[in-house]
Protein backbone atom coordinates (compact mmCIF):
# COMPACT_ATOMS: atom_id res chain seq x y z
CA MET A 1 35.13 -228.79 100.91
CA SER A 2 38.59 -228.54 102.05
CA GLU A 3 38.92 -232.43 102.29
CA LEU A 4 38.09 -232.91 98.75
CA ALA A 5 40.72 -230.64 97.49
CA ASP A 6 44.11 -231.71 96.24
CA GLY A 7 45.57 -228.48 97.07
CA PHE A 8 44.85 -224.74 97.29
CA LEU A 9 45.31 -221.87 95.24
CA ALA A 10 44.44 -218.13 95.72
CA LEU A 11 44.23 -215.86 92.90
CA PRO A 12 44.06 -212.07 93.47
CA GLY A 13 40.96 -211.37 95.44
CA GLY A 14 39.60 -209.52 98.50
CA ILE A 15 39.61 -210.19 102.00
CA GLY A 16 37.55 -213.45 101.86
CA THR A 17 40.11 -214.88 99.89
CA LEU A 18 42.71 -214.01 102.13
CA GLU A 19 40.69 -215.31 104.99
CA GLU A 20 40.07 -218.57 103.34
CA TRP A 21 43.80 -219.16 102.07
CA PHE A 22 45.34 -218.02 105.44
CA GLU A 23 42.99 -220.75 107.11
CA VAL A 24 44.14 -223.67 105.09
CA TRP A 25 47.69 -222.26 104.85
CA THR A 26 47.47 -222.38 108.83
CA TRP A 27 45.96 -225.93 108.78
CA SER A 28 48.81 -227.19 106.78
CA GLN A 29 51.43 -225.63 109.31
CA LEU A 30 49.61 -227.27 112.07
CA GLY A 31 49.52 -230.78 110.33
CA PHE A 32 45.94 -230.90 109.72
CA HIS A 33 46.20 -231.84 106.12
CA PRO A 34 49.17 -232.39 103.84
CA LYS A 35 48.22 -230.36 100.85
CA PRO A 36 50.18 -227.35 99.14
CA CYS A 37 48.88 -223.93 99.63
CA GLY A 38 49.76 -221.51 96.67
CA LEU A 39 49.27 -217.86 95.64
CA LEU A 40 49.04 -216.62 92.06
CA ASN A 41 50.88 -213.43 92.20
CA VAL A 42 49.55 -211.78 88.90
CA ALA A 43 51.13 -208.39 88.13
CA GLY A 44 52.80 -208.49 91.77
CA TYR A 45 49.39 -208.22 93.27
CA TYR A 46 50.61 -210.30 96.23
CA ASP A 47 54.17 -208.50 96.64
CA HIS A 48 53.12 -206.41 99.78
CA LEU A 49 51.57 -209.40 101.57
CA LEU A 50 54.74 -211.43 100.72
CA ALA A 51 57.07 -208.62 102.02
CA PHE A 52 55.03 -208.68 105.25
CA LEU A 53 55.34 -212.57 105.67
CA ASP A 54 58.98 -212.08 105.22
CA HIS A 55 58.94 -209.31 107.79
CA MET A 56 57.07 -211.58 110.04
CA THR A 57 59.88 -214.10 109.63
CA ALA A 58 62.72 -211.60 110.05
CA GLU A 59 61.15 -210.56 113.55
CA ARG A 60 60.75 -214.47 114.21
CA PHE A 61 56.98 -214.36 114.35
CA LEU A 62 56.76 -216.64 111.42
CA ASN A 63 58.88 -219.72 111.37
CA GLU A 64 60.87 -220.04 108.05
CA THR A 65 59.90 -223.57 107.32
CA HIS A 66 56.17 -222.39 107.54
CA ARG A 67 56.88 -219.19 105.38
CA ALA A 68 58.41 -221.58 102.69
CA MET A 69 54.94 -223.48 102.67
CA ALA A 70 53.48 -220.58 100.86
CA ILE A 71 54.07 -221.55 97.31
CA VAL A 72 54.12 -218.47 95.23
CA GLY A 73 54.64 -217.80 91.42
CA ASP A 74 53.40 -215.52 88.81
CA ASP A 75 53.19 -218.07 85.93
CA PRO A 76 50.07 -220.45 86.22
CA GLU A 77 51.49 -223.34 84.65
CA ARG A 78 54.71 -223.44 86.79
CA LEU A 79 52.75 -222.77 89.86
CA LEU A 80 50.64 -225.65 89.14
CA ASP A 81 53.73 -227.83 88.80
CA ARG A 82 55.19 -226.65 91.90
CA LEU A 83 52.03 -227.41 93.61
CA ALA A 84 51.86 -230.94 92.15
CA ALA A 85 55.45 -231.53 93.24
CA TRP A 86 55.22 -230.12 96.85
CA ARG A 87 55.65 -232.52 99.76
CA PRO A 88 54.89 -231.41 103.46
CA PRO A 89 57.97 -230.19 105.39
CA ARG A 90 58.66 -231.54 108.97
CA ALA A 91 58.72 -228.22 110.85
CA ARG A 92 59.56 -228.00 114.67
CA LYS A 93 56.74 -226.32 116.37
CA TRP A 94 57.44 -223.39 118.41
CA ILE A 95 57.20 -225.40 121.54
CA GLU A 96 56.80 -229.15 121.39
CA ALA A 97 54.45 -230.62 123.68
CA GLU A 98 56.90 -232.01 126.17
CA GLU A 99 58.16 -228.56 126.75
CA ARG A 100 54.78 -227.25 127.85
């Protein structure tokens, strides 16, 4: 089904929602698809998750460019506009093929 989507947006949900969202977000980071991945942060639902992603970035376990690929907002209309306008960045991989 992911190949039929124009993008991915997770609303507040459980572990299944997170698993599916992290999967398509990872695929975007790996360049498997050029589609936006968003989180609708209703009433701060994802605040702790976002703080953890920021912690991962600060500890250098998550690339800053990849962190920015998680499009987050609390206003559905504005978030959809941001998803529609999103273009995939060119991020350097941790280790490029020629460095292996």
